[in-house]
């Protein structure tokens, strides 16, 4: 049994962020904490699991559940440093939403494109606007990369590419950051 409780997020540090950006990040962190908590308790032999992580096994599900639990604890308890970077800074380009260095724990570089991403529930599930996810999902994605959290990689990007690999090619994607993001986002829409 997995027992996780939603609590206020730890104090955060901001670098080069304007007030509107800080407010958007705090909203995304609070939403991500709720979304990832629901995802952690929803891991099982379901179509959503198979769509994002590939063929189900109890062993792989335990890895996924533990990763979601670690992401939740990190969002809830860690002092996260958010850097609002411009294009050309912190490896940001026009298409990049965010990035981290897995060994620089809890430092997330948010690129300008992050702030144009939709918030969870801004559009219906499956809409074109949600193809690359939400701000909350991006926080989950980036937190999963840290060595002390879940040590994920970027094996594939985008909903279509990742679900194709998991469903059609039957790849096990328990180390793919986008799989955690999209599973958590999808689960949050379920009644």
N, C-alpha and C. Protein backbone atom coordinates (compact mmCIF):
# COMPACT_ATOMS: atom_id res chain seq x y z
N UNK A 1 0.84 -1.18 0.00
CA UNK A 1 0.00 0.00 0.00
C UNK A 1 0.88 1.24 0.00
N UNK A 2 0.53 2.20 -0.80
CA UNK A 2 1.27 3.43 -0.94
C UNK A 2 0.52 4.54 -0.23
N UNK A 3 1.15 5.16 0.74
CA UNK A 3 0.50 6.24 1.49
C UNK A 3 1.22 7.55 1.24
N UNK A 4 0.62 8.40 0.44
CA UNK A 4 1.17 9.71 0.17
C UNK A 4 0.09 10.74 0.48
N UNK A 5 0.50 11.85 1.02
CA UNK A 5 -0.44 12.89 1.38
C UNK A 5 0.01 14.20 0.74
N UNK A 6 -0.93 14.92 0.14
CA UNK A 6 -0.60 16.21 -0.43
C UNK A 6 -0.40 17.22 0.70
N UNK A 7 0.66 17.99 0.60
CA UNK A 7 0.96 19.02 1.58
C UNK A 7 1.51 20.23 0.85
N UNK A 8 1.58 21.38 1.50
CA UNK A 8 2.13 22.55 0.83
C UNK A 8 3.56 22.30 0.38
N UNK A 9 3.91 22.82 -0.78
CA UNK A 9 5.26 22.66 -1.31
C UNK A 9 6.26 23.42 -0.45
N UNK A 10 7.49 22.96 -0.47
CA UNK A 10 8.56 23.62 0.27
C UNK A 10 8.82 25.00 -0.34
N UNK A 11 9.52 25.84 0.41
CA UNK A 11 9.89 27.16 -0.10
C UNK A 11 10.76 26.99 -1.34
N UNK A 12 10.58 27.86 -2.30
CA UNK A 12 11.31 27.76 -3.55
C UNK A 12 12.21 28.97 -3.72
N UNK A 13 13.27 28.80 -4.51
CA UNK A 13 14.15 29.91 -4.87
C UNK A 13 13.93 30.23 -6.34
N UNK A 14 13.98 31.50 -6.67
CA UNK A 14 13.81 31.93 -8.05
C UNK A 14 15.00 32.78 -8.46
N UNK A 15 15.45 32.54 -9.68
CA UNK A 15 16.55 33.33 -10.24
C UNK A 15 16.10 33.91 -11.57
N UNK A 16 16.21 35.18 -11.72
CA UNK A 16 15.86 35.94 -12.92
C UNK A 16 14.41 35.72 -13.37
N UNK A 17 13.51 35.51 -12.42
CA UNK A 17 12.10 35.32 -12.75
C UNK A 17 11.31 36.57 -12.37
N UNK A 18 10.46 37.00 -13.26
CA UNK A 18 9.55 38.11 -12.96
C UNK A 18 8.38 37.58 -12.13
N UNK A 19 7.63 38.48 -11.51
CA UNK A 19 6.54 38.07 -10.63
C UNK A 19 5.53 37.18 -11.35
N UNK A 20 5.15 37.53 -12.56
CA UNK A 20 4.18 36.73 -13.30
C UNK A 20 4.73 35.32 -13.56
N UNK A 21 6.03 35.22 -13.80
CA UNK A 21 6.65 33.91 -14.00
C UNK A 21 6.68 33.12 -12.69
N UNK A 22 7.03 33.77 -11.59
CA UNK A 22 7.02 33.09 -10.28
C UNK A 22 5.63 32.57 -9.96
N UNK A 23 4.61 33.38 -10.21
CA UNK A 23 3.24 32.95 -9.94
C UNK A 23 2.87 31.73 -10.78
N UNK A 24 3.25 31.75 -12.06
CA UNK A 24 2.95 30.61 -12.95
C UNK A 24 3.68 29.35 -12.47
N UNK A 25 4.92 29.51 -12.03
CA UNK A 25 5.68 28.35 -11.55
C UNK A 25 5.08 27.80 -10.27
N UNK A 26 4.73 28.66 -9.33
CA UNK A 26 4.13 28.19 -8.08
C UNK A 26 2.82 27.45 -8.34
N UNK A 27 2.02 27.96 -9.28
CA UNK A 27 0.78 27.29 -9.66
C UNK A 27 1.08 25.92 -10.29
N UNK A 28 2.10 25.87 -11.16
CA UNK A 28 2.47 24.60 -11.80
C UNK A 28 3.01 23.60 -10.78
N UNK A 29 3.80 24.05 -9.83
CA UNK A 29 4.32 23.15 -8.79
C UNK A 29 3.19 22.57 -7.95
N UNK A 30 2.25 23.42 -7.54
CA UNK A 30 1.12 22.93 -6.74
C UNK A 30 0.28 21.93 -7.53
N UNK A 31 0.04 22.23 -8.79
CA UNK A 31 -0.72 21.30 -9.64
C UNK A 31 0.03 20.01 -9.88
N UNK A 32 1.34 20.11 -10.12
CA UNK A 32 2.15 18.92 -10.36
C UNK A 32 2.16 18.01 -9.14
N UNK A 33 2.21 18.59 -7.97
CA UNK A 33 2.19 17.77 -6.75
C UNK A 33 0.91 16.94 -6.66
N UNK A 34 -0.21 17.55 -6.99
CA UNK A 34 -1.49 16.82 -6.96
C UNK A 34 -1.56 15.77 -8.05
N UNK A 35 -1.14 16.15 -9.26
CA UNK A 35 -1.20 15.24 -10.41
C UNK A 35 -0.31 14.02 -10.19
N UNK A 36 0.92 14.24 -9.70
CA UNK A 36 1.85 13.13 -9.51
C UNK A 36 1.40 12.22 -8.37
N UNK A 37 0.75 12.77 -7.37
CA UNK A 37 0.21 11.95 -6.29
C UNK A 37 -0.86 11.00 -6.83
N UNK A 38 -1.74 11.53 -7.65
CA UNK A 38 -2.78 10.68 -8.24
C UNK A 38 -2.16 9.62 -9.14
N UNK A 39 -1.12 9.99 -9.88
CA UNK A 39 -0.45 9.02 -10.74
C UNK A 39 0.17 7.89 -9.92
N UNK A 40 0.80 8.24 -8.80
CA UNK A 40 1.48 7.24 -7.97
C UNK A 40 0.52 6.16 -7.49
N UNK A 41 -0.68 6.56 -7.14
CA UNK A 41 -1.63 5.57 -6.63
C UNK A 41 -2.44 4.91 -7.74
N UNK A 42 -2.21 5.31 -8.99
CA UNK A 42 -2.95 4.75 -10.13
C UNK A 42 -2.15 3.77 -10.97
N UNK A 43 -0.92 3.50 -10.57
CA UNK A 43 -0.09 2.56 -11.34
C UNK A 43 -0.68 1.16 -11.22
N UNK A 44 -0.94 0.53 -12.34
CA UNK A 44 -1.49 -0.82 -12.37
C UNK A 44 -1.57 -1.32 -13.80
N UNK A 45 -2.11 -2.49 -13.97
CA UNK A 45 -2.24 -3.09 -15.29
C UNK A 45 -3.44 -2.47 -16.00
N UNK A 46 -3.23 -1.27 -16.54
CA UNK A 46 -4.29 -0.49 -17.17
C UNK A 46 -3.88 -0.09 -18.58
N UNK A 47 -4.83 0.33 -19.41
CA UNK A 47 -4.47 0.83 -20.74
C UNK A 47 -3.54 2.04 -20.67
N UNK A 48 -3.74 2.90 -19.66
CA UNK A 48 -2.88 4.08 -19.52
C UNK A 48 -1.44 3.66 -19.21
N UNK A 49 -1.29 2.69 -18.33
CA UNK A 49 0.05 2.22 -18.01
C UNK A 49 0.72 1.67 -19.27
N UNK A 50 0.04 0.78 -19.98
CA UNK A 50 0.62 0.16 -21.17
C UNK A 50 0.91 1.20 -22.26
N UNK A 51 0.08 2.23 -22.35
CA UNK A 51 0.28 3.26 -23.38
C UNK A 51 1.59 4.02 -23.15
N UNK A 52 1.96 4.24 -21.90
CA UNK A 52 3.13 5.08 -21.63
C UNK A 52 4.36 4.31 -21.17
N UNK A 53 4.19 3.15 -20.57
CA UNK A 53 5.34 2.41 -20.06
C UNK A 53 5.58 1.08 -20.76
N UNK A 54 4.67 0.67 -21.63
CA UNK A 54 4.86 -0.58 -22.34
C UNK A 54 4.24 -1.75 -21.61
N UNK A 55 4.62 -2.96 -21.96
CA UNK A 55 4.02 -4.15 -21.35
C UNK A 55 4.12 -4.12 -19.83
N UNK A 56 3.02 -4.49 -19.19
CA UNK A 56 2.93 -4.45 -17.73
C UNK A 56 3.64 -5.65 -17.11
N UNK A 57 4.36 -5.40 -16.03
CA UNK A 57 4.84 -6.44 -15.14
C UNK A 57 4.85 -5.86 -13.74
N UNK A 58 4.71 -6.71 -12.74
CA UNK A 58 4.71 -6.23 -11.36
C UNK A 58 6.04 -5.54 -11.02
N UNK A 59 7.13 -6.08 -11.54
CA UNK A 59 8.45 -5.50 -11.25
C UNK A 59 8.57 -4.10 -11.84
N UNK A 60 8.17 -3.95 -13.10
CA UNK A 60 8.24 -2.63 -13.73
C UNK A 60 7.28 -1.65 -13.08
N UNK A 61 6.10 -2.12 -12.72
CA UNK A 61 5.13 -1.25 -12.05
C UNK A 61 5.67 -0.77 -10.71
N UNK A 62 6.41 -1.61 -10.01
CA UNK A 62 7.01 -1.19 -8.73
C UNK A 62 8.04 -0.09 -8.96
N UNK A 63 8.81 -0.18 -10.04
CA UNK A 63 9.78 0.87 -10.37
C UNK A 63 9.05 2.18 -10.67
N UNK A 64 7.99 2.11 -11.47
CA UNK A 64 7.22 3.29 -11.84
C UNK A 64 6.58 3.92 -10.60
N UNK A 65 5.97 3.10 -9.77
CA UNK A 65 5.33 3.60 -8.54
C UNK A 65 6.35 4.29 -7.63
N UNK A 66 7.51 3.67 -7.47
CA UNK A 66 8.56 4.26 -6.62
C UNK A 66 9.05 5.59 -7.22
N UNK A 67 9.15 5.65 -8.53
CA UNK A 67 9.58 6.89 -9.18
C UNK A 67 8.56 8.00 -8.94
N UNK A 68 7.28 7.68 -9.13
CA UNK A 68 6.25 8.70 -8.87
C UNK A 68 6.27 9.14 -7.41
N UNK A 69 6.48 8.22 -6.50
CA UNK A 69 6.56 8.57 -5.08
C UNK A 69 7.74 9.51 -4.84
N UNK A 70 8.89 9.22 -5.46
CA UNK A 70 10.06 10.08 -5.31
C UNK A 70 9.83 11.47 -5.90
N UNK A 71 9.16 11.52 -7.04
CA UNK A 71 8.85 12.81 -7.66
C UNK A 71 7.94 13.61 -6.74
N UNK A 72 6.92 12.94 -6.20
CA UNK A 72 6.00 13.62 -5.29
C UNK A 72 6.72 14.18 -4.07
N UNK A 73 7.56 13.37 -3.46
CA UNK A 73 8.29 13.80 -2.27
C UNK A 73 9.21 14.98 -2.61
N UNK A 74 9.87 14.92 -3.75
CA UNK A 74 10.76 16.01 -4.16
C UNK A 74 9.99 17.31 -4.37
N UNK A 75 8.86 17.24 -5.05
CA UNK A 75 8.06 18.46 -5.27
C UNK A 75 7.55 18.99 -3.93
N UNK A 76 7.14 18.10 -3.07
CA UNK A 76 6.57 18.51 -1.77
C UNK A 76 7.63 19.04 -0.82
N UNK A 77 8.79 18.38 -0.76
CA UNK A 77 9.74 18.67 0.32
C UNK A 77 11.02 19.40 -0.09
N UNK A 78 11.44 19.28 -1.32
CA UNK A 78 12.73 19.85 -1.71
C UNK A 78 12.63 21.36 -1.91
N UNK A 79 13.73 22.03 -1.67
CA UNK A 79 13.81 23.45 -2.01
C UNK A 79 14.27 23.50 -3.46
N UNK A 80 13.36 23.81 -4.33
CA UNK A 80 13.61 23.79 -5.76
C UNK A 80 14.10 25.17 -6.19
N UNK A 81 15.15 25.19 -6.98
CA UNK A 81 15.64 26.45 -7.53
C UNK A 81 15.17 26.54 -8.97
N UNK A 82 14.39 27.55 -9.26
CA UNK A 82 13.85 27.78 -10.59
C UNK A 82 14.62 28.92 -11.24
N UNK A 83 15.17 28.65 -12.41
CA UNK A 83 15.87 29.66 -13.19
C UNK A 83 15.01 29.95 -14.42
N UNK A 84 14.59 31.20 -14.55
CA UNK A 84 13.84 31.62 -15.74
C UNK A 84 14.86 32.12 -16.75
N UNK A 85 15.18 31.28 -17.71
CA UNK A 85 16.25 31.57 -18.66
C UNK A 85 15.70 32.13 -19.96
N UNK A 86 16.50 32.92 -20.61
CA UNK A 86 16.16 33.44 -21.94
C UNK A 86 16.73 32.50 -23.00
N UNK A 87 16.29 32.67 -24.22
CA UNK A 87 16.84 31.88 -25.32
C UNK A 87 18.33 32.18 -25.41
N UNK A 88 19.12 31.13 -25.51
CA UNK A 88 20.57 31.27 -25.53
C UNK A 88 21.21 31.12 -24.16
N UNK A 89 20.41 31.11 -23.12
CA UNK A 89 20.91 30.89 -21.76
C UNK A 89 20.50 29.50 -21.30
N UNK A 90 21.33 28.87 -20.48
CA UNK A 90 21.03 27.56 -19.89
C UNK A 90 20.58 26.55 -20.94
N UNK A 91 21.16 26.60 -22.10
CA UNK A 91 20.86 25.70 -23.22
C UNK A 91 19.44 25.85 -23.78
N UNK A 92 18.76 26.94 -23.48
CA UNK A 92 17.40 27.15 -24.00
C UNK A 92 17.44 27.58 -25.46
N UNK A 93 16.54 27.00 -26.24
CA UNK A 93 16.29 27.47 -27.59
C UNK A 93 14.78 27.72 -27.72
N UNK A 94 14.31 28.05 -28.89
CA UNK A 94 12.89 28.43 -29.06
C UNK A 94 11.92 27.28 -28.79
N UNK A 95 12.33 26.04 -29.04
CA UNK A 95 11.43 24.91 -28.86
C UNK A 95 11.49 24.28 -27.48
N UNK A 96 12.55 24.51 -26.74
CA UNK A 96 12.75 23.85 -25.45
C UNK A 96 11.88 24.49 -24.37
N UNK A 97 11.23 23.62 -23.59
CA UNK A 97 10.40 24.09 -22.49
C UNK A 97 11.21 24.26 -21.20
N UNK A 98 12.08 23.30 -20.94
CA UNK A 98 12.83 23.30 -19.70
C UNK A 98 13.97 22.30 -19.82
N UNK A 99 14.91 22.39 -18.88
CA UNK A 99 15.97 21.39 -18.82
C UNK A 99 16.57 21.37 -17.43
N UNK A 100 17.26 20.29 -17.15
CA UNK A 100 17.98 20.13 -15.88
C UNK A 100 19.29 19.41 -16.17
N UNK A 101 20.19 19.48 -15.23
CA UNK A 101 21.36 18.62 -15.21
C UNK A 101 21.11 17.67 -14.06
N UNK A 102 21.08 16.39 -14.34
CA UNK A 102 20.63 15.39 -13.36
C UNK A 102 21.40 15.40 -12.06
N UNK A 103 22.64 15.85 -12.08
CA UNK A 103 23.46 15.89 -10.87
C UNK A 103 23.31 17.20 -10.08
N UNK A 104 22.68 18.22 -10.68
CA UNK A 104 22.46 19.52 -10.02
C UNK A 104 21.05 19.49 -9.44
N UNK A 105 20.92 18.79 -8.35
CA UNK A 105 19.62 18.43 -7.78
C UNK A 105 18.72 19.64 -7.50
N UNK A 106 17.51 19.50 -7.98
CA UNK A 106 16.40 20.43 -7.74
C UNK A 106 16.57 21.80 -8.38
N UNK A 107 17.45 21.93 -9.34
CA UNK A 107 17.57 23.17 -10.12
C UNK A 107 16.91 22.90 -11.47
N UNK A 108 15.87 23.66 -11.77
CA UNK A 108 15.15 23.51 -13.03
C UNK A 108 15.26 24.82 -13.81
N UNK A 109 15.76 24.70 -15.02
CA UNK A 109 15.84 25.85 -15.93
C UNK A 109 14.58 25.87 -16.78
N UNK A 110 13.82 26.92 -16.65
CA UNK A 110 12.60 27.07 -17.45
C UNK A 110 12.88 28.04 -18.59
N UNK A 111 12.61 27.58 -19.79
CA UNK A 111 12.83 28.39 -20.99
C UNK A 111 11.57 29.18 -21.30
N UNK A 112 11.67 30.21 -22.14
CA UNK A 112 10.48 31.02 -22.45
C UNK A 112 9.28 30.20 -22.93
N UNK A 113 9.51 29.12 -23.70
CA UNK A 113 8.39 28.31 -24.21
C UNK A 113 7.57 27.68 -23.08
N UNK A 114 8.17 27.44 -21.92
CA UNK A 114 7.42 26.87 -20.79
C UNK A 114 6.22 27.74 -20.45
N UNK A 115 6.40 29.05 -20.49
CA UNK A 115 5.35 29.96 -20.05
C UNK A 115 4.23 30.10 -21.07
N UNK A 116 4.42 29.57 -22.26
CA UNK A 116 3.32 29.55 -23.25
C UNK A 116 2.64 28.18 -23.30
N UNK A 117 3.13 27.22 -22.50
CA UNK A 117 2.49 25.91 -22.43
C UNK A 117 1.13 26.03 -21.74
N UNK A 118 0.20 25.14 -22.04
CA UNK A 118 -1.08 25.19 -21.34
C UNK A 118 -0.96 24.67 -19.90
N UNK A 119 -1.83 25.18 -19.05
CA UNK A 119 -1.98 24.62 -17.71
C UNK A 119 -2.84 23.37 -17.83
N UNK A 120 -2.74 22.49 -16.85
CA UNK A 120 -3.61 21.30 -16.84
C UNK A 120 -5.05 21.76 -16.92
N UNK A 121 -5.84 21.05 -17.66
CA UNK A 121 -7.27 21.26 -17.80
C UNK A 121 -7.63 22.51 -18.60
N UNK A 122 -6.64 23.23 -19.18
CA UNK A 122 -6.94 24.39 -20.01
C UNK A 122 -7.60 23.96 -21.32
N UNK A 123 -7.30 22.73 -21.75
CA UNK A 123 -7.86 22.18 -22.98
C UNK A 123 -8.32 20.75 -22.69
N UNK A 124 -9.24 20.22 -23.48
CA UNK A 124 -9.68 18.84 -23.27
C UNK A 124 -8.55 17.84 -23.49
N UNK A 125 -8.64 16.74 -22.80
CA UNK A 125 -7.66 15.67 -23.00
C UNK A 125 -7.68 15.24 -24.46
N UNK A 126 -6.51 15.03 -25.03
CA UNK A 126 -6.39 14.59 -26.40
C UNK A 126 -6.41 15.71 -27.42
N UNK A 127 -6.56 16.95 -26.97
CA UNK A 127 -6.58 18.06 -27.92
C UNK A 127 -5.16 18.33 -28.43
N UNK A 128 -5.10 18.93 -29.60
CA UNK A 128 -3.81 19.23 -30.23
C UNK A 128 -2.95 20.10 -29.31
N UNK A 129 -3.58 21.00 -28.57
CA UNK A 129 -2.83 21.89 -27.68
C UNK A 129 -2.08 21.13 -26.58
N UNK A 130 -2.54 19.93 -26.27
CA UNK A 130 -1.92 19.14 -25.20
C UNK A 130 -0.90 18.12 -25.73
N UNK A 131 -0.58 18.14 -27.02
CA UNK A 131 0.34 17.16 -27.61
C UNK A 131 1.67 17.10 -26.87
N UNK A 132 2.20 18.23 -26.47
CA UNK A 132 3.48 18.24 -25.76
C UNK A 132 3.32 18.42 -24.26
N UNK A 133 2.10 18.32 -23.78
CA UNK A 133 1.86 18.34 -22.35
C UNK A 133 1.56 19.71 -21.78
N UNK A 134 1.65 19.77 -20.47
CA UNK A 134 1.26 20.95 -19.70
C UNK A 134 2.44 21.44 -18.87
N UNK A 135 2.25 22.59 -18.25
CA UNK A 135 3.28 23.10 -17.34
C UNK A 135 3.49 22.12 -16.18
N UNK A 136 2.39 21.62 -15.62
CA UNK A 136 2.49 20.68 -14.51
C UNK A 136 3.23 19.42 -14.93
N UNK A 137 2.89 18.92 -16.11
CA UNK A 137 3.56 17.73 -16.62
C UNK A 137 5.04 17.96 -16.87
N UNK A 138 5.38 19.15 -17.32
CA UNK A 138 6.79 19.47 -17.56
C UNK A 138 7.57 19.48 -16.25
N UNK A 139 6.97 19.97 -15.19
CA UNK A 139 7.62 19.93 -13.87
C UNK A 139 7.87 18.47 -13.48
N UNK A 140 6.88 17.61 -13.65
CA UNK A 140 7.03 16.18 -13.34
C UNK A 140 8.16 15.58 -14.19
N UNK A 141 8.14 15.87 -15.48
CA UNK A 141 9.17 15.37 -16.40
C UNK A 141 10.56 15.76 -15.90
N UNK A 142 10.76 17.04 -15.64
CA UNK A 142 12.09 17.51 -15.23
C UNK A 142 12.51 16.96 -13.87
N UNK A 143 11.60 16.90 -12.92
CA UNK A 143 11.94 16.35 -11.59
C UNK A 143 12.36 14.89 -11.70
N UNK A 144 11.77 14.17 -12.63
CA UNK A 144 12.10 12.75 -12.77
C UNK A 144 13.55 12.52 -13.20
N UNK A 145 14.17 13.51 -13.83
CA UNK A 145 15.54 13.36 -14.32
C UNK A 145 16.60 13.31 -13.21
N UNK A 146 16.33 13.92 -12.07
CA UNK A 146 17.38 14.06 -11.06
C UNK A 146 17.85 12.70 -10.54
N UNK A 147 19.17 12.59 -10.36
CA UNK A 147 19.77 11.36 -9.84
C UNK A 147 19.13 10.92 -8.53
N UNK A 148 18.78 11.87 -7.68
CA UNK A 148 18.22 11.55 -6.37
C UNK A 148 16.71 11.34 -6.39
N UNK A 149 16.12 11.45 -7.58
CA UNK A 149 14.67 11.28 -7.69
C UNK A 149 14.36 9.99 -8.46
N UNK A 150 14.45 9.99 -9.78
CA UNK A 150 14.08 8.79 -10.55
C UNK A 150 15.07 8.43 -11.66
N UNK A 151 16.04 9.26 -11.91
CA UNK A 151 17.09 8.99 -12.91
C UNK A 151 16.56 8.64 -14.30
N UNK A 152 15.57 9.37 -14.76
CA UNK A 152 15.03 9.09 -16.09
C UNK A 152 15.90 9.72 -17.17
N UNK A 153 15.67 9.27 -18.39
CA UNK A 153 16.34 9.79 -19.57
C UNK A 153 15.28 10.33 -20.52
N UNK A 154 15.74 10.90 -21.63
CA UNK A 154 14.84 11.33 -22.70
C UNK A 154 14.98 10.34 -23.85
N UNK A 155 14.21 9.27 -23.77
CA UNK A 155 14.26 8.21 -24.78
C UNK A 155 13.42 8.61 -25.99
N UNK A 156 12.29 9.25 -25.73
CA UNK A 156 11.43 9.76 -26.80
C UNK A 156 10.73 11.01 -26.30
N UNK A 157 10.32 11.84 -27.25
CA UNK A 157 9.59 13.07 -26.96
C UNK A 157 8.27 13.04 -27.71
N UNK A 158 7.25 13.61 -27.16
CA UNK A 158 5.90 13.81 -27.71
C UNK A 158 5.01 12.60 -27.45
N UNK A 159 3.75 12.90 -27.33
CA UNK A 159 2.76 11.86 -27.06
C UNK A 159 2.75 10.80 -28.17
N UNK A 160 2.74 11.25 -29.41
CA UNK A 160 2.63 10.28 -30.51
C UNK A 160 3.86 9.38 -30.57
N UNK A 161 5.05 9.93 -30.46
CA UNK A 161 6.27 9.11 -30.55
C UNK A 161 6.39 8.14 -29.38
N UNK A 162 6.09 8.60 -28.18
CA UNK A 162 6.25 7.72 -27.01
C UNK A 162 5.19 6.63 -26.94
N UNK A 163 3.95 6.97 -27.26
CA UNK A 163 2.93 5.91 -27.22
C UNK A 163 3.16 4.89 -28.32
N UNK A 164 3.68 5.33 -29.46
CA UNK A 164 4.02 4.40 -30.53
C UNK A 164 5.07 3.39 -30.06
N UNK A 165 6.08 3.87 -29.38
CA UNK A 165 7.14 2.97 -28.91
C UNK A 165 6.61 1.99 -27.87
N UNK A 166 5.76 2.46 -26.98
CA UNK A 166 5.25 1.59 -25.92
C UNK A 166 4.21 0.60 -26.44
N UNK A 167 3.30 1.06 -27.30
CA UNK A 167 2.20 0.20 -27.75
C UNK A 167 2.56 -0.67 -28.95
N UNK A 168 3.12 -0.08 -29.97
CA UNK A 168 3.38 -0.84 -31.19
C UNK A 168 4.68 -1.62 -31.14
N UNK A 169 5.71 -1.00 -30.61
CA UNK A 169 7.00 -1.68 -30.56
C UNK A 169 7.19 -2.47 -29.27
N UNK A 170 6.24 -2.33 -28.35
CA UNK A 170 6.27 -3.07 -27.08
C UNK A 170 7.54 -2.80 -26.27
N UNK A 171 8.06 -1.58 -26.37
CA UNK A 171 9.24 -1.21 -25.58
C UNK A 171 8.83 -0.93 -24.14
N UNK A 172 9.68 -1.26 -23.22
CA UNK A 172 9.48 -0.92 -21.82
C UNK A 172 10.11 0.46 -21.62
N UNK A 173 9.30 1.44 -21.24
CA UNK A 173 9.77 2.81 -21.14
C UNK A 173 9.73 3.33 -19.70
N UNK A 174 10.13 2.50 -18.75
CA UNK A 174 10.07 2.91 -17.34
C UNK A 174 11.18 3.90 -16.98
N UNK A 175 12.08 4.18 -17.88
CA UNK A 175 13.15 5.18 -17.65
C UNK A 175 13.00 6.39 -18.55
N UNK A 176 11.83 6.57 -19.16
CA UNK A 176 11.59 7.68 -20.06
C UNK A 176 10.81 8.80 -19.35
N UNK A 177 11.37 9.99 -19.30
CA UNK A 177 10.74 11.10 -18.58
C UNK A 177 9.37 11.47 -19.15
N UNK A 178 9.22 11.50 -20.48
CA UNK A 178 7.92 11.84 -21.06
C UNK A 178 6.84 10.82 -20.68
N UNK A 179 7.22 9.56 -20.47
CA UNK A 179 6.23 8.56 -20.06
C UNK A 179 5.62 8.92 -18.72
N UNK A 180 6.43 9.40 -17.81
CA UNK A 180 5.92 9.82 -16.50
C UNK A 180 5.02 11.04 -16.65
N UNK A 181 5.45 11.98 -17.46
CA UNK A 181 4.66 13.18 -17.67
C UNK A 181 3.29 12.84 -18.25
N UNK A 182 3.26 12.07 -19.34
CA UNK A 182 2.00 11.82 -20.03
C UNK A 182 1.08 10.89 -19.25
N UNK A 183 1.65 9.90 -18.57
CA UNK A 183 0.82 9.05 -17.72
C UNK A 183 0.15 9.89 -16.64
N UNK A 184 0.92 10.73 -15.96
CA UNK A 184 0.36 11.57 -14.89
C UNK A 184 -0.71 12.51 -15.44
N UNK A 185 -0.45 13.12 -16.58
CA UNK A 185 -1.45 14.01 -17.17
C UNK A 185 -2.72 13.25 -17.53
N UNK A 186 -2.59 12.09 -18.17
CA UNK A 186 -3.76 11.32 -18.57
C UNK A 186 -4.57 10.84 -17.37
N UNK A 187 -3.88 10.36 -16.35
CA UNK A 187 -4.56 9.87 -15.15
C UNK A 187 -5.35 11.00 -14.49
N UNK A 188 -4.83 12.21 -14.56
CA UNK A 188 -5.51 13.33 -13.89
C UNK A 188 -6.86 13.65 -14.53
N UNK A 189 -7.07 13.23 -15.77
CA UNK A 189 -8.34 13.47 -16.45
C UNK A 189 -9.38 12.40 -16.14
N UNK A 190 -8.96 11.26 -15.62
CA UNK A 190 -9.91 10.18 -15.36
C UNK A 190 -10.80 10.51 -14.18
N UNK A 191 -12.08 10.08 -14.23
CA UNK A 191 -12.98 10.36 -13.10
C UNK A 191 -12.56 9.60 -11.85
